[in-house]
Amino acid sequence: IRSGRYEAAGYATLPRLQELEATHPEWMQKQLLQRHLAYGRHAYREEILAVSHRWEQPDAPDASGVQLQAIREHLQVCPSIKLVWYDFW
C-alpha cells in the first residue's frame, strides 16, 4: 500500500482477499500473532495497522478509494508499520 503498487496494477481501491491471493499473492503475508503479546502488552502496536471502518456501500467498503488513500498517507508517516489488516480483505 505504501509503495502504490496497487495503483500501478490498476486498482483505485484494493479488492477482496480472494482476488488479491489469486492475482497478487506476493502482496500477502500471513503472520501468527501471540495472543498474550497482543492483548496485554501491545507488542505489535508499532508494526501492524488494523483497519475496520464503516463501509461506503453494502458490497464495497471503499468504492471511491478515499479510505485506502488515507491508509497510504498514514503509512507514509509511520514507517514502522510493516503489515496492514483490513476488514474487507
Protein backbone atom coordinates (compact mmCIF):
# COMPACT_ATOMS: atom_id res chain seq x y z
CA ILE A 1 0.00 0.00 0.00
CA ARG A 2 2.76 2.40 0.96
CA SER A 3 4.54 1.96 -2.38
CA GLY A 4 1.43 2.49 -4.50
CA ARG A 5 1.82 -0.82 -6.35
CA TYR A 6 -1.95 -1.23 -6.24
CA GLU A 7 -2.31 1.89 -8.40
CA ALA A 8 0.27 0.61 -10.88
CA ALA A 9 -1.76 -2.61 -11.07
CA GLY A 10 -4.88 -0.61 -11.99
CA TYR A 11 -6.72 -0.62 -8.65
CA ALA A 12 -8.37 2.51 -7.23
CA THR A 13 -9.03 0.52 -4.08
CA LEU A 14 -7.97 -2.95 -3.11
CA PRO A 15 -10.20 -5.92 -3.99
CA ARG A 16 -11.33 -8.78 -1.80
CA LEU A 17 -8.80 -11.12 -0.22
CA GLN A 18 -9.65 -13.93 -2.64
CA GLU A 19 -8.80 -11.78 -5.65
CA LEU A 20 -5.61 -10.49 -4.08
CA GLU A 21 -4.48 -14.04 -3.30
CA ALA A 22 -5.21 -15.10 -6.88
CA THR A 23 -3.71 -12.13 -8.69
CA HIS A 24 -1.02 -10.78 -6.36
CA PRO A 25 -0.03 -13.40 -3.78
CA GLU A 26 3.28 -11.58 -3.30
CA TRP A 27 1.35 -8.73 -1.69
CA MET A 28 0.05 -11.03 1.04
CA GLN A 29 1.84 -12.09 4.19
CA LYS A 30 0.42 -14.20 6.97
CA GLN A 31 1.74 -13.77 10.46
CA LEU A 32 0.82 -15.74 13.55
CA LEU A 33 0.36 -13.40 16.49
CA GLN A 34 0.86 -14.39 20.10
CA ARG A 35 -2.33 -13.53 21.98
CA HIS A 36 -0.60 -12.73 25.27
CA LEU A 37 1.70 -10.27 23.50
CA ALA A 38 -1.10 -8.62 21.54
CA TYR A 39 -3.67 -8.12 24.29
CA GLY A 40 -1.88 -7.05 27.41
CA ARG A 41 1.47 -5.89 26.15
CA HIS A 42 0.55 -4.31 22.82
CA ALA A 43 3.70 -5.84 21.33
CA TYR A 44 2.52 -5.37 17.74
CA ARG A 45 1.33 -1.78 18.05
CA GLU A 46 4.24 -0.27 16.13
CA GLU A 47 4.30 -2.90 13.34
CA ILE A 48 0.70 -3.79 12.49
CA LEU A 49 -2.13 -1.48 11.48
CA ALA A 50 -5.65 -2.88 11.91
CA VAL A 51 -8.35 -1.08 9.91
CA SER A 52 -12.05 -1.55 10.46
CA HIS A 53 -14.42 1.14 9.26
CA ARG A 54 -17.88 1.97 8.01
CA TRP A 55 -18.48 0.65 4.51
CA GLU A 56 -19.44 3.19 1.85
CA GLN A 57 -21.76 0.72 0.08
CA PRO A 58 -23.18 -2.67 1.15
CA ASP A 59 -20.97 -4.52 -1.32
CA ALA A 60 -17.96 -2.17 -1.42
CA PRO A 61 -16.25 -0.82 1.69
CA ASP A 62 -14.21 1.81 -0.12
CA ALA A 63 -15.70 2.28 -3.59
CA SER A 64 -14.16 5.72 -4.02
CA GLY A 65 -10.68 4.78 -2.80
CA VAL A 66 -10.66 7.61 -0.26
CA GLN A 67 -10.14 5.30 2.70
CA LEU A 68 -7.27 3.47 1.00
CA GLN A 69 -5.62 6.81 0.26
CA ALA A 70 -5.93 7.78 3.93
CA ILE A 71 -4.32 4.48 4.92
CA ARG A 72 -1.50 5.08 2.45
CA GLU A 73 -0.91 8.58 3.83
CA HIS A 74 -0.80 7.17 7.37
CA LEU A 75 1.73 4.55 6.30
CA GLN A 76 3.90 7.25 4.76
CA VAL A 77 4.28 9.00 8.12
CA CYS A 78 4.54 5.76 10.14
CA PRO A 79 7.39 3.78 8.57
CA SER A 80 7.49 1.30 11.46
CA ILE A 81 4.20 -0.26 10.26
CA LYS A 82 5.01 -3.39 8.28
CA LEU A 83 1.62 -5.10 7.97
CA VAL A 84 -1.96 -3.92 7.44
CA TRP A 85 -5.04 -5.93 8.39
CA TYR A 86 -8.14 -4.61 6.64
CA ASP A 87 -11.61 -5.98 7.42
CA PHE A 88 -12.65 -6.42 3.78
CA TRP A 89 -9.60 -8.45 2.83
